[in-house]
N, C-alpha and C. Protein backbone atom coordinates (compact mmCIF):
# COMPACT_ATOMS: atom_id res chain seq x y z
N LEU A 1 133.90 28.80 -34.39
CA LEU A 1 135.21 28.52 -34.98
C LEU A 1 136.32 28.85 -33.98
N LEU A 2 136.20 30.02 -33.33
CA LEU A 2 137.22 30.42 -32.37
C LEU A 2 137.32 29.42 -31.22
N ALA A 3 136.18 29.01 -30.68
CA ALA A 3 136.18 28.05 -29.57
C ALA A 3 136.76 26.71 -30.00
N ALA A 4 136.39 26.24 -31.18
CA ALA A 4 136.89 24.96 -31.67
C ALA A 4 138.40 25.02 -31.89
N ASN A 5 138.88 26.12 -32.46
CA ASN A 5 140.32 26.25 -32.70
C ASN A 5 141.10 26.38 -31.40
N LEU A 6 140.55 27.08 -30.42
CA LEU A 6 141.25 27.19 -29.14
C LEU A 6 141.31 25.84 -28.43
N LEU A 7 140.27 25.04 -28.55
CA LEU A 7 140.31 23.69 -27.98
C LEU A 7 141.37 22.84 -28.67
N GLY A 8 141.45 22.96 -30.01
CA GLY A 8 142.47 22.23 -30.74
C GLY A 8 143.87 22.67 -30.37
N ALA A 9 144.05 23.98 -30.18
CA ALA A 9 145.37 24.49 -29.80
C ALA A 9 145.72 24.06 -28.37
N LEU A 10 144.73 23.99 -27.50
CA LEU A 10 144.98 23.59 -26.11
C LEU A 10 145.33 22.11 -26.01
N ALA A 11 144.79 21.31 -26.91
CA ALA A 11 145.04 19.87 -26.86
C ALA A 11 146.51 19.53 -27.09
N VAL A 12 147.22 20.34 -27.86
CA VAL A 12 148.61 20.04 -28.19
C VAL A 12 149.52 20.12 -26.97
N PRO A 13 149.55 21.23 -26.22
CA PRO A 13 150.42 21.25 -25.03
C PRO A 13 150.00 20.25 -23.96
N LEU A 14 148.71 19.91 -23.91
CA LEU A 14 148.28 18.93 -22.92
C LEU A 14 148.86 17.55 -23.21
N THR A 15 149.10 17.24 -24.50
CA THR A 15 149.71 15.95 -24.83
C THR A 15 151.15 15.85 -24.35
N ALA A 16 151.76 16.98 -24.06
CA ALA A 16 153.12 16.98 -23.53
C ALA A 16 153.15 17.10 -22.01
N LEU A 17 152.20 17.85 -21.44
CA LEU A 17 152.24 18.13 -20.01
C LEU A 17 151.61 17.02 -19.18
N LEU A 18 150.42 16.56 -19.57
CA LEU A 18 149.72 15.56 -18.77
C LEU A 18 150.46 14.22 -18.71
N PRO A 19 150.88 13.66 -19.84
CA PRO A 19 151.61 12.38 -19.75
C PRO A 19 152.92 12.49 -18.97
N ALA A 20 153.57 13.65 -19.04
CA ALA A 20 154.82 13.83 -18.31
C ALA A 20 154.60 13.77 -16.80
N ARG A 21 153.40 14.18 -16.36
CA ARG A 21 153.09 14.13 -14.93
C ARG A 21 152.59 12.76 -14.50
N LEU A 22 151.98 12.03 -15.43
CA LEU A 22 151.39 10.74 -15.08
C LEU A 22 152.31 9.55 -15.34
N LEU A 23 153.21 9.68 -16.33
CA LEU A 23 154.07 8.57 -16.72
C LEU A 23 155.52 8.90 -16.41
N ASP A 24 156.20 7.98 -15.81
CA ASP A 24 157.62 8.17 -15.50
C ASP A 24 158.45 8.08 -16.78
N GLY A 25 159.35 9.04 -16.95
CA GLY A 25 160.27 9.02 -18.08
C GLY A 25 159.70 9.55 -19.38
N PHE A 26 158.44 9.99 -19.37
CA PHE A 26 157.86 10.53 -20.60
C PHE A 26 158.28 11.97 -20.80
N SER A 27 158.73 12.29 -22.01
CA SER A 27 159.04 13.67 -22.38
C SER A 27 159.01 13.79 -23.89
N VAL A 28 158.80 15.00 -24.35
CA VAL A 28 158.72 15.22 -25.79
C VAL A 28 160.03 14.87 -26.48
N LEU A 29 161.16 15.20 -25.85
CA LEU A 29 162.46 14.92 -26.44
C LEU A 29 162.92 13.49 -26.15
N GLY A 30 162.74 13.05 -24.92
CA GLY A 30 163.26 11.74 -24.54
C GLY A 30 162.50 10.58 -25.14
N THR A 31 161.20 10.69 -25.22
CA THR A 31 160.37 9.64 -25.81
C THR A 31 159.56 10.25 -26.96
N HIS A 32 160.27 10.77 -27.93
CA HIS A 32 159.62 11.51 -29.01
C HIS A 32 158.66 10.66 -29.84
N PRO A 33 159.02 9.42 -30.22
CA PRO A 33 158.04 8.61 -30.97
C PRO A 33 156.73 8.41 -30.22
N ALA A 34 156.81 8.19 -28.91
CA ALA A 34 155.58 8.04 -28.13
C ALA A 34 154.76 9.32 -28.14
N TRP A 35 155.45 10.47 -28.04
CA TRP A 35 154.72 11.73 -28.08
C TRP A 35 154.10 11.97 -29.45
N LEU A 36 154.80 11.60 -30.52
CA LEU A 36 154.24 11.76 -31.87
C LEU A 36 152.93 10.99 -32.00
N GLY A 37 152.94 9.74 -31.55
CA GLY A 37 151.72 8.95 -31.63
C GLY A 37 150.61 9.50 -30.76
N LEU A 38 150.95 9.93 -29.54
CA LEU A 38 149.95 10.48 -28.63
C LEU A 38 149.37 11.78 -29.16
N CYS A 39 150.23 12.64 -29.68
CA CYS A 39 149.76 13.92 -30.21
C CYS A 39 148.85 13.71 -31.42
N SER A 40 149.25 12.81 -32.32
CA SER A 40 148.42 12.53 -33.49
C SER A 40 147.06 11.97 -33.09
N ALA A 41 147.07 11.02 -32.14
CA ALA A 41 145.80 10.42 -31.70
C ALA A 41 144.91 11.43 -31.00
N SER A 42 145.49 12.27 -30.15
CA SER A 42 144.69 13.25 -29.40
C SER A 42 144.11 14.31 -30.32
N VAL A 43 144.95 14.89 -31.18
CA VAL A 43 144.47 15.94 -32.09
C VAL A 43 143.46 15.36 -33.07
N GLY A 44 143.73 14.16 -33.58
CA GLY A 44 142.80 13.54 -34.52
C GLY A 44 141.45 13.24 -33.90
N THR A 45 141.46 12.69 -32.69
CA THR A 45 140.20 12.38 -32.02
C THR A 45 139.40 13.64 -31.73
N LEU A 46 140.09 14.68 -31.23
CA LEU A 46 139.39 15.94 -30.94
C LEU A 46 138.84 16.57 -32.21
N SER A 47 139.60 16.54 -33.29
CA SER A 47 139.15 17.13 -34.55
C SER A 47 137.90 16.44 -35.07
N VAL A 48 137.91 15.11 -35.06
CA VAL A 48 136.74 14.36 -35.53
C VAL A 48 135.53 14.64 -34.65
N ALA A 49 135.74 14.64 -33.33
CA ALA A 49 134.63 14.88 -32.40
C ALA A 49 134.04 16.27 -32.59
N LEU A 50 134.89 17.29 -32.73
CA LEU A 50 134.40 18.66 -32.90
C LEU A 50 133.62 18.81 -34.20
N HIS A 51 134.12 18.21 -35.26
CA HIS A 51 133.43 18.37 -36.54
C HIS A 51 132.14 17.55 -36.60
N LEU A 52 132.07 16.46 -35.87
CA LEU A 52 130.81 15.72 -35.80
C LEU A 52 129.77 16.51 -35.03
N VAL A 53 130.21 17.22 -33.99
CA VAL A 53 129.27 18.00 -33.18
C VAL A 53 128.86 19.29 -33.89
N LEU A 54 129.85 19.99 -34.43
CA LEU A 54 129.58 21.30 -35.04
C LEU A 54 129.05 21.19 -36.46
N ASN A 55 129.40 20.09 -37.15
CA ASN A 55 128.94 19.86 -38.52
C ASN A 55 129.18 21.07 -39.41
N PRO A 56 130.48 21.44 -39.65
CA PRO A 56 130.75 22.65 -40.42
C PRO A 56 130.48 22.51 -41.90
N SER A 57 130.36 21.29 -42.41
CA SER A 57 130.15 21.10 -43.84
C SER A 57 128.79 21.64 -44.23
N GLN A 58 128.77 22.36 -45.32
CA GLN A 58 127.52 22.93 -45.80
C GLN A 58 126.80 22.03 -46.80
N SER A 59 127.42 20.95 -47.19
CA SER A 59 126.79 20.06 -48.15
C SER A 59 125.77 19.18 -47.45
N PRO A 60 124.70 18.76 -48.15
CA PRO A 60 123.70 17.91 -47.52
C PRO A 60 124.28 16.54 -47.19
N ARG A 61 123.84 15.99 -46.06
CA ARG A 61 124.32 14.70 -45.61
C ARG A 61 123.29 13.63 -45.91
N ARG A 62 123.71 12.56 -46.53
CA ARG A 62 122.83 11.42 -46.70
C ARG A 62 122.77 10.64 -45.40
N SER A 63 121.62 10.06 -45.14
CA SER A 63 121.41 9.39 -43.86
C SER A 63 121.52 7.88 -43.95
N SER A 64 121.71 7.32 -45.13
CA SER A 64 121.75 5.87 -45.24
C SER A 64 123.00 5.33 -44.56
N PHE A 65 122.83 4.18 -43.93
CA PHE A 65 123.94 3.55 -43.21
C PHE A 65 125.04 3.14 -44.17
N ALA A 66 124.66 2.63 -45.35
CA ALA A 66 125.66 2.18 -46.34
C ALA A 66 126.52 3.35 -46.81
N TYR A 67 125.89 4.52 -46.98
CA TYR A 67 126.66 5.69 -47.41
C TYR A 67 127.65 6.12 -46.35
N LYS A 68 127.23 6.08 -45.07
CA LYS A 68 128.13 6.47 -43.99
C LYS A 68 129.31 5.51 -43.88
N ILE A 69 129.05 4.22 -44.04
CA ILE A 69 130.14 3.24 -43.99
C ILE A 69 131.09 3.45 -45.15
N SER A 70 130.55 3.69 -46.34
CA SER A 70 131.40 3.92 -47.52
C SER A 70 132.24 5.18 -47.34
N ARG A 71 131.63 6.23 -46.79
CA ARG A 71 132.35 7.48 -46.56
C ARG A 71 133.47 7.28 -45.53
N PHE A 72 133.16 6.54 -44.47
CA PHE A 72 134.15 6.28 -43.43
C PHE A 72 135.34 5.49 -43.99
N LEU A 73 135.06 4.47 -44.78
CA LEU A 73 136.14 3.66 -45.35
C LEU A 73 136.99 4.48 -46.32
N LYS A 74 136.36 5.35 -47.09
CA LYS A 74 137.11 6.22 -47.99
C LYS A 74 138.01 7.17 -47.21
N CYS A 75 137.50 7.72 -46.12
CA CYS A 75 138.30 8.63 -45.30
C CYS A 75 139.51 7.90 -44.71
N CYS A 76 139.29 6.67 -44.23
CA CYS A 76 140.41 5.89 -43.70
C CYS A 76 141.44 5.61 -44.77
N MET A 77 140.99 5.26 -45.97
CA MET A 77 141.90 4.98 -47.07
C MET A 77 142.69 6.23 -47.45
N TYR A 78 142.01 7.38 -47.54
CA TYR A 78 142.68 8.62 -47.90
C TYR A 78 143.72 9.00 -46.84
N PHE A 79 143.36 8.80 -45.58
CA PHE A 79 144.31 9.15 -44.52
C PHE A 79 145.54 8.25 -44.58
N PHE A 80 145.34 6.96 -44.79
CA PHE A 80 146.48 6.04 -44.88
C PHE A 80 147.35 6.37 -46.09
N MET A 81 146.72 6.67 -47.22
CA MET A 81 147.48 7.06 -48.41
C MET A 81 148.25 8.35 -48.17
N SER A 82 147.66 9.26 -47.42
CA SER A 82 148.35 10.51 -47.10
C SER A 82 149.59 10.24 -46.26
N CYS A 83 149.49 9.32 -45.29
CA CYS A 83 150.64 8.98 -44.46
C CYS A 83 151.77 8.40 -45.33
N ILE A 84 151.42 7.50 -46.24
CA ILE A 84 152.42 6.91 -47.13
C ILE A 84 153.04 7.97 -48.03
N LEU A 85 152.21 8.86 -48.57
CA LEU A 85 152.72 9.90 -49.45
C LEU A 85 153.63 10.87 -48.72
N PHE A 86 153.23 11.30 -47.53
CA PHE A 86 154.09 12.19 -46.74
C PHE A 86 155.40 11.50 -46.39
N HIS A 87 155.32 10.21 -46.05
CA HIS A 87 156.54 9.47 -45.73
C HIS A 87 157.49 9.46 -46.92
N ALA A 88 156.96 9.19 -48.12
CA ALA A 88 157.79 9.16 -49.31
C ALA A 88 158.39 10.53 -49.61
N ILE A 89 157.60 11.59 -49.46
CA ILE A 89 158.10 12.94 -49.72
C ILE A 89 159.19 13.31 -48.73
N ILE A 90 158.98 12.96 -47.46
CA ILE A 90 159.98 13.27 -46.44
C ILE A 90 161.29 12.56 -46.74
N VAL A 91 161.22 11.30 -47.16
CA VAL A 91 162.44 10.56 -47.51
C VAL A 91 163.12 11.20 -48.72
N LEU A 92 162.34 11.61 -49.71
CA LEU A 92 162.91 12.25 -50.90
C LEU A 92 163.59 13.58 -50.55
N TYR A 93 163.14 14.22 -49.50
CA TYR A 93 163.75 15.47 -49.07
C TYR A 93 164.94 15.28 -48.14
N GLY A 94 165.34 14.02 -47.94
CA GLY A 94 166.59 13.79 -47.21
C GLY A 94 166.50 13.02 -45.93
N ALA A 95 165.30 12.58 -45.53
CA ALA A 95 165.19 11.79 -44.31
C ALA A 95 165.81 10.41 -44.52
N PRO A 96 166.29 9.75 -43.45
CA PRO A 96 166.88 8.42 -43.59
C PRO A 96 165.88 7.43 -44.16
N LEU A 97 166.34 6.61 -45.11
CA LEU A 97 165.44 5.66 -45.75
C LEU A 97 165.16 4.46 -44.86
N ILE A 98 166.20 3.94 -44.21
CA ILE A 98 166.06 2.74 -43.39
C ILE A 98 166.15 3.07 -41.91
N GLU A 99 167.15 3.88 -41.54
CA GLU A 99 167.28 4.27 -40.14
C GLU A 99 166.12 5.19 -39.73
N SER A 100 165.68 5.03 -38.51
CA SER A 100 164.61 5.86 -37.94
C SER A 100 163.34 5.81 -38.79
N VAL A 101 163.05 4.65 -39.39
CA VAL A 101 161.87 4.55 -40.25
C VAL A 101 160.59 4.72 -39.43
N THR A 102 160.59 4.24 -38.20
CA THR A 102 159.42 4.40 -37.34
C THR A 102 159.16 5.87 -37.03
N GLU A 103 160.24 6.58 -36.68
CA GLU A 103 160.10 8.01 -36.38
C GLU A 103 159.62 8.78 -37.60
N THR A 104 160.15 8.43 -38.78
CA THR A 104 159.75 9.12 -40.00
C THR A 104 158.28 8.89 -40.31
N PHE A 105 157.83 7.65 -40.15
CA PHE A 105 156.42 7.36 -40.43
C PHE A 105 155.51 8.04 -39.42
N LEU A 106 155.89 8.07 -38.15
CA LEU A 106 155.08 8.76 -37.16
C LEU A 106 155.03 10.26 -37.44
N PHE A 107 156.12 10.82 -37.94
CA PHE A 107 156.11 12.22 -38.34
C PHE A 107 155.16 12.43 -39.51
N ALA A 108 155.14 11.48 -40.45
CA ALA A 108 154.20 11.55 -41.57
C ALA A 108 152.75 11.46 -41.08
N VAL A 109 152.51 10.62 -40.07
CA VAL A 109 151.17 10.53 -39.49
C VAL A 109 150.78 11.84 -38.84
N LEU A 110 151.73 12.47 -38.15
CA LEU A 110 151.45 13.76 -37.52
C LEU A 110 151.08 14.82 -38.56
N LEU A 111 151.85 14.88 -39.65
CA LEU A 111 151.54 15.84 -40.71
C LEU A 111 150.18 15.54 -41.34
N SER A 112 149.87 14.27 -41.53
CA SER A 112 148.57 13.91 -42.10
C SER A 112 147.44 14.30 -41.15
N THR A 113 147.67 14.19 -39.86
CA THR A 113 146.66 14.58 -38.87
C THR A 113 146.41 16.08 -38.92
N PHE A 114 147.48 16.86 -39.10
CA PHE A 114 147.35 18.31 -39.13
C PHE A 114 146.76 18.82 -40.44
N THR A 115 146.86 18.04 -41.50
CA THR A 115 146.46 18.51 -42.83
C THR A 115 145.33 17.66 -43.42
N THR A 116 145.63 16.43 -43.78
CA THR A 116 144.67 15.59 -44.48
C THR A 116 143.43 15.31 -43.64
N LEU A 117 143.62 14.99 -42.36
CA LEU A 117 142.48 14.68 -41.51
C LEU A 117 141.54 15.88 -41.39
N GLN A 118 142.12 17.09 -41.32
CA GLN A 118 141.28 18.28 -41.24
C GLN A 118 140.47 18.45 -42.53
N CYS A 119 141.09 18.16 -43.67
CA CYS A 119 140.38 18.23 -44.95
C CYS A 119 139.25 17.21 -44.99
N LEU A 120 139.51 16.01 -44.48
CA LEU A 120 138.48 14.98 -44.47
C LEU A 120 137.32 15.37 -43.57
N CYS A 121 137.61 16.01 -42.45
CA CYS A 121 136.55 16.43 -41.54
C CYS A 121 135.68 17.52 -42.15
N VAL A 122 136.30 18.49 -42.80
CA VAL A 122 135.56 19.64 -43.32
C VAL A 122 134.96 19.36 -44.69
N LEU A 123 135.74 18.73 -45.57
CA LEU A 123 135.34 18.56 -46.97
C LEU A 123 134.92 17.14 -47.32
N GLY A 124 135.30 16.17 -46.48
CA GLY A 124 135.01 14.79 -46.82
C GLY A 124 135.98 14.26 -47.87
N PRO A 125 135.80 13.02 -48.30
CA PRO A 125 136.71 12.43 -49.30
C PRO A 125 136.38 12.90 -50.71
N ASN A 126 136.46 14.19 -50.93
CA ASN A 126 136.13 14.80 -52.22
C ASN A 126 137.35 15.57 -52.72
N ILE A 127 138.11 14.95 -53.58
CA ILE A 127 139.36 15.57 -54.06
C ILE A 127 139.08 16.87 -54.80
N GLN A 128 138.00 16.93 -55.57
CA GLN A 128 137.68 18.16 -56.30
C GLN A 128 137.42 19.32 -55.34
N ALA A 129 136.77 19.02 -54.22
CA ALA A 129 136.54 20.07 -53.22
C ALA A 129 137.86 20.51 -52.61
N TRP A 130 138.79 19.58 -52.41
CA TRP A 130 140.11 19.95 -51.88
C TRP A 130 140.82 20.88 -52.85
N ILE A 131 140.77 20.54 -54.13
CA ILE A 131 141.43 21.37 -55.14
C ILE A 131 140.80 22.76 -55.18
N ARG A 132 139.48 22.81 -55.07
CA ARG A 132 138.80 24.11 -55.08
C ARG A 132 139.22 24.96 -53.89
N VAL A 133 139.25 24.37 -52.70
CA VAL A 133 139.55 25.14 -51.49
C VAL A 133 140.97 25.67 -51.52
N PHE A 134 141.92 24.87 -52.03
CA PHE A 134 143.31 25.30 -52.01
C PHE A 134 143.73 26.01 -53.30
N SER A 135 142.78 26.32 -54.15
CA SER A 135 143.07 27.20 -55.28
C SER A 135 142.88 28.64 -54.83
N LYS A 136 143.22 29.57 -55.69
CA LYS A 136 143.13 30.98 -55.33
C LYS A 136 141.68 31.38 -55.12
N ASN A 137 141.41 31.98 -53.94
CA ASN A 137 140.06 32.44 -53.60
C ASN A 137 139.02 31.33 -53.69
N GLY A 138 139.43 30.10 -53.31
CA GLY A 138 138.52 28.97 -53.44
C GLY A 138 137.66 28.71 -52.23
N ALA A 139 138.03 29.26 -51.06
CA ALA A 139 137.26 29.01 -49.84
C ALA A 139 135.95 29.80 -49.87
N THR A 140 134.86 29.16 -49.48
CA THR A 140 133.54 29.81 -49.47
C THR A 140 132.93 29.84 -48.09
N SER A 141 133.67 29.47 -47.05
CA SER A 141 133.15 29.53 -45.68
C SER A 141 134.32 29.77 -44.74
N ILE A 142 133.98 30.13 -43.50
CA ILE A 142 135.04 30.38 -42.53
C ILE A 142 135.80 29.10 -42.21
N TRP A 143 135.11 27.96 -42.26
CA TRP A 143 135.78 26.69 -41.97
C TRP A 143 136.81 26.36 -43.04
N GLU A 144 136.48 26.64 -44.28
CA GLU A 144 137.42 26.39 -45.37
C GLU A 144 138.59 27.36 -45.33
N SER A 145 138.33 28.61 -44.96
CA SER A 145 139.42 29.57 -44.80
C SER A 145 140.35 29.14 -43.67
N SER A 146 139.78 28.69 -42.56
CA SER A 146 140.60 28.20 -41.45
C SER A 146 141.39 26.97 -41.87
N LEU A 147 140.79 26.11 -42.68
CA LEU A 147 141.49 24.92 -43.17
C LEU A 147 142.69 25.32 -44.02
N GLN A 148 142.53 26.29 -44.88
CA GLN A 148 143.65 26.78 -45.68
C GLN A 148 144.81 27.24 -44.80
N ILE A 149 144.50 28.05 -43.81
CA ILE A 149 145.54 28.66 -42.99
C ILE A 149 146.27 27.61 -42.16
N THR A 150 145.52 26.73 -41.49
CA THR A 150 146.16 25.73 -40.62
C THR A 150 146.99 24.74 -41.42
N THR A 151 146.52 24.36 -42.60
CA THR A 151 147.28 23.42 -43.44
C THR A 151 148.59 24.03 -43.90
N VAL A 152 148.52 25.26 -44.40
CA VAL A 152 149.74 25.92 -44.88
C VAL A 152 150.71 26.16 -43.73
N CYS A 153 150.21 26.59 -42.58
CA CYS A 153 151.08 26.85 -41.43
C CYS A 153 151.75 25.56 -40.95
N SER A 154 151.04 24.44 -40.97
CA SER A 154 151.62 23.16 -40.53
C SER A 154 152.76 22.73 -41.44
N ILE A 155 152.54 22.83 -42.74
CA ILE A 155 153.58 22.42 -43.69
C ILE A 155 154.77 23.36 -43.63
N LEU A 156 154.51 24.66 -43.55
CA LEU A 156 155.61 25.61 -43.43
C LEU A 156 156.38 25.41 -42.13
N GLY A 157 155.68 25.10 -41.05
CA GLY A 157 156.36 24.84 -39.79
C GLY A 157 157.27 23.64 -39.87
N ALA A 158 156.82 22.57 -40.53
CA ALA A 158 157.67 21.40 -40.71
C ALA A 158 158.88 21.73 -41.58
N TRP A 159 158.67 22.56 -42.59
CA TRP A 159 159.75 22.95 -43.49
C TRP A 159 160.81 23.75 -42.74
N PHE A 160 160.39 24.76 -42.01
CA PHE A 160 161.35 25.58 -41.26
C PHE A 160 161.98 24.79 -40.11
N GLY A 161 161.27 23.81 -39.60
CA GLY A 161 161.83 23.01 -38.53
C GLY A 161 163.02 22.17 -38.96
N ALA A 162 163.16 21.94 -40.27
CA ALA A 162 164.28 21.14 -40.76
C ALA A 162 165.58 21.94 -40.86
N PHE A 163 165.50 23.26 -40.81
CA PHE A 163 166.69 24.08 -40.99
C PHE A 163 167.77 23.83 -39.93
N PRO A 164 167.43 23.68 -38.64
CA PRO A 164 168.51 23.52 -37.64
C PRO A 164 169.17 22.14 -37.65
N ILE A 165 168.59 21.15 -38.33
CA ILE A 165 169.12 19.78 -38.23
C ILE A 165 170.57 19.68 -38.69
N PRO A 166 170.96 20.24 -39.84
CA PRO A 166 172.35 20.08 -40.28
C PRO A 166 173.36 20.96 -39.55
N LEU A 167 172.89 21.88 -38.71
CA LEU A 167 173.82 22.77 -38.01
C LEU A 167 174.56 22.02 -36.91
N ASP A 168 175.80 22.37 -36.73
CA ASP A 168 176.67 21.66 -35.78
C ASP A 168 176.52 22.25 -34.38
N TRP A 169 175.31 22.13 -33.83
CA TRP A 169 175.05 22.64 -32.50
C TRP A 169 175.06 21.54 -31.44
N ASP A 170 174.87 20.32 -31.90
CA ASP A 170 174.86 19.15 -31.00
C ASP A 170 173.84 19.31 -29.88
N ARG A 171 172.62 19.66 -30.27
CA ARG A 171 171.53 19.81 -29.31
C ARG A 171 170.62 18.57 -29.38
N PRO A 172 170.03 18.17 -28.25
CA PRO A 172 169.16 16.98 -28.27
C PRO A 172 167.96 17.12 -29.21
N TRP A 173 167.43 18.33 -29.37
CA TRP A 173 166.24 18.51 -30.20
C TRP A 173 166.57 18.53 -31.69
N GLN A 174 167.88 18.42 -32.04
CA GLN A 174 168.24 18.34 -33.46
C GLN A 174 168.18 16.92 -34.01
N VAL A 175 167.93 15.94 -33.15
CA VAL A 175 167.83 14.56 -33.61
C VAL A 175 166.56 14.41 -34.45
N TRP A 176 166.68 13.71 -35.57
CA TRP A 176 165.54 13.51 -36.47
C TRP A 176 164.46 12.70 -35.77
N PRO A 177 163.16 13.09 -35.93
CA PRO A 177 162.61 14.27 -36.61
C PRO A 177 162.07 15.29 -35.62
N ILE A 178 162.75 15.48 -34.49
CA ILE A 178 162.19 16.28 -33.40
C ILE A 178 161.93 17.72 -33.85
N SER A 179 162.92 18.36 -34.44
CA SER A 179 162.73 19.77 -34.80
C SER A 179 161.65 19.93 -35.87
N CYS A 180 161.55 18.99 -36.80
CA CYS A 180 160.53 19.07 -37.84
C CYS A 180 159.13 18.89 -37.26
N SER A 181 158.98 17.90 -36.39
CA SER A 181 157.67 17.66 -35.80
C SER A 181 157.26 18.79 -34.87
N LEU A 182 158.22 19.35 -34.13
CA LEU A 182 157.91 20.50 -33.29
C LEU A 182 157.56 21.71 -34.14
N GLY A 183 158.28 21.89 -35.25
CA GLY A 183 157.95 22.99 -36.15
C GLY A 183 156.55 22.84 -36.73
N ALA A 184 156.18 21.62 -37.15
CA ALA A 184 154.84 21.39 -37.67
C ALA A 184 153.79 21.63 -36.60
N THR A 185 154.08 21.21 -35.38
CA THR A 185 153.14 21.40 -34.27
C THR A 185 152.95 22.88 -33.95
N PHE A 186 154.06 23.61 -33.86
CA PHE A 186 153.95 25.05 -33.61
C PHE A 186 153.21 25.75 -34.76
N GLY A 187 153.49 25.32 -35.98
CA GLY A 187 152.79 25.89 -37.12
C GLY A 187 151.30 25.62 -37.09
N TYR A 188 150.93 24.39 -36.70
CA TYR A 188 149.52 24.04 -36.59
C TYR A 188 148.81 24.87 -35.53
N VAL A 189 149.44 24.99 -34.36
CA VAL A 189 148.85 25.78 -33.28
C VAL A 189 148.76 27.25 -33.68
N ALA A 190 149.81 27.76 -34.32
CA ALA A 190 149.78 29.15 -34.79
C ALA A 190 148.66 29.35 -35.81
N GLY A 191 148.48 28.38 -36.71
CA GLY A 191 147.39 28.49 -37.68
C GLY A 191 146.02 28.50 -37.03
N LEU A 192 145.84 27.69 -35.98
CA LEU A 192 144.56 27.68 -35.27
C LEU A 192 144.26 29.02 -34.62
N ILE A 193 145.30 29.69 -34.16
CA ILE A 193 145.11 30.99 -33.51
C ILE A 193 144.98 32.11 -34.55
N ILE A 194 145.78 32.02 -35.60
CA ILE A 194 145.76 33.08 -36.62
C ILE A 194 144.47 33.06 -37.42
N ALA A 195 143.94 31.87 -37.71
CA ALA A 195 142.79 31.76 -38.61
C ALA A 195 141.58 32.58 -38.15
N PRO A 196 141.11 32.45 -36.90
CA PRO A 196 139.96 33.28 -36.51
C PRO A 196 140.25 34.78 -36.54
N LEU A 197 141.48 35.15 -36.19
CA LEU A 197 141.83 36.57 -36.22
C LEU A 197 141.84 37.08 -37.65
N TRP A 198 142.40 36.30 -38.57
CA TRP A 198 142.44 36.72 -39.98
C TRP A 198 141.03 36.79 -40.56
N ILE A 199 140.20 35.81 -40.23
CA ILE A 199 138.83 35.80 -40.73
C ILE A 199 138.04 37.00 -40.19
N HIS A 200 138.24 37.31 -38.90
CA HIS A 200 137.55 38.47 -38.32
C HIS A 200 138.01 39.77 -38.98
N TRP A 201 139.31 39.87 -39.25
CA TRP A 201 139.85 41.08 -39.85
C TRP A 201 139.35 41.26 -41.29
N ASN A 202 139.14 40.15 -41.99
CA ASN A 202 138.71 40.20 -43.40
C ASN A 202 137.26 39.74 -43.56
N ARG A 203 136.44 39.91 -42.53
CA ARG A 203 135.09 39.36 -42.57
C ARG A 203 134.23 39.99 -43.66
N LYS A 204 134.45 41.25 -43.96
CA LYS A 204 133.63 41.89 -45.01
C LYS A 204 133.94 41.31 -46.39
N GLN A 205 135.21 41.11 -46.69
CA GLN A 205 135.57 40.54 -47.98
C GLN A 205 135.09 39.09 -48.08
N LEU A 206 135.21 38.33 -46.99
CA LEU A 206 134.79 36.94 -47.00
C LEU A 206 133.28 36.83 -47.15
N THR A 207 132.53 37.71 -46.50
CA THR A 207 131.09 37.69 -46.63
C THR A 207 130.68 38.02 -48.05
N TYR A 208 131.32 39.00 -48.65
CA TYR A 208 131.00 39.37 -50.03
C TYR A 208 131.34 38.24 -50.99
N LYS A 209 132.46 37.57 -50.73
CA LYS A 209 132.87 36.49 -51.62
C LYS A 209 131.90 35.31 -51.52
N SER A 210 131.45 34.98 -50.31
CA SER A 210 130.56 33.85 -50.16
C SER A 210 129.20 34.09 -50.81
N ARG A 211 128.78 35.35 -50.88
CA ARG A 211 127.53 35.66 -51.57
C ARG A 211 127.68 35.56 -53.09
């Protein structure tokens, strides 16, 4: 878990540093929509690859090809619905409805990558399992505990990232949705680092609970 989370945390700064060295004019602030798409694609690809290799799910896997195709299509549908839902919630909380619609949707994709995609990787397209994990004391494995922490940290980071936007500082990073997406990203990375430390600190209680 620690190695997987550190790889996930390392992937985020690399999406800002490597393209800036390889592509002229690329920067997190200057070409923010491009960075949003790149960060979502990189983190999503790494998350799927790690979970396919590590196979953290404790539930039995069916081997039929039809089941795998059905599961994959359900995951794609859930992820797309999550992007639409996050987009609607963000607009309801004050984001521009028509202006910057591309930026808003890419921010919704980023949030879905940090939250919904992780749930799909660990729990699959099982809404009841999602409800169980995010209820009180619902996690039964270290992967589910890590999922709780990273999801909450990502959403809280996006929430706190919105605070500087209305302030009259006239800073480039106050343009929508830069501060929110950076807040979500910092929250996600912080969650990846905090989760193994919290699990290690509370390993006795978690072991007792899982039994």
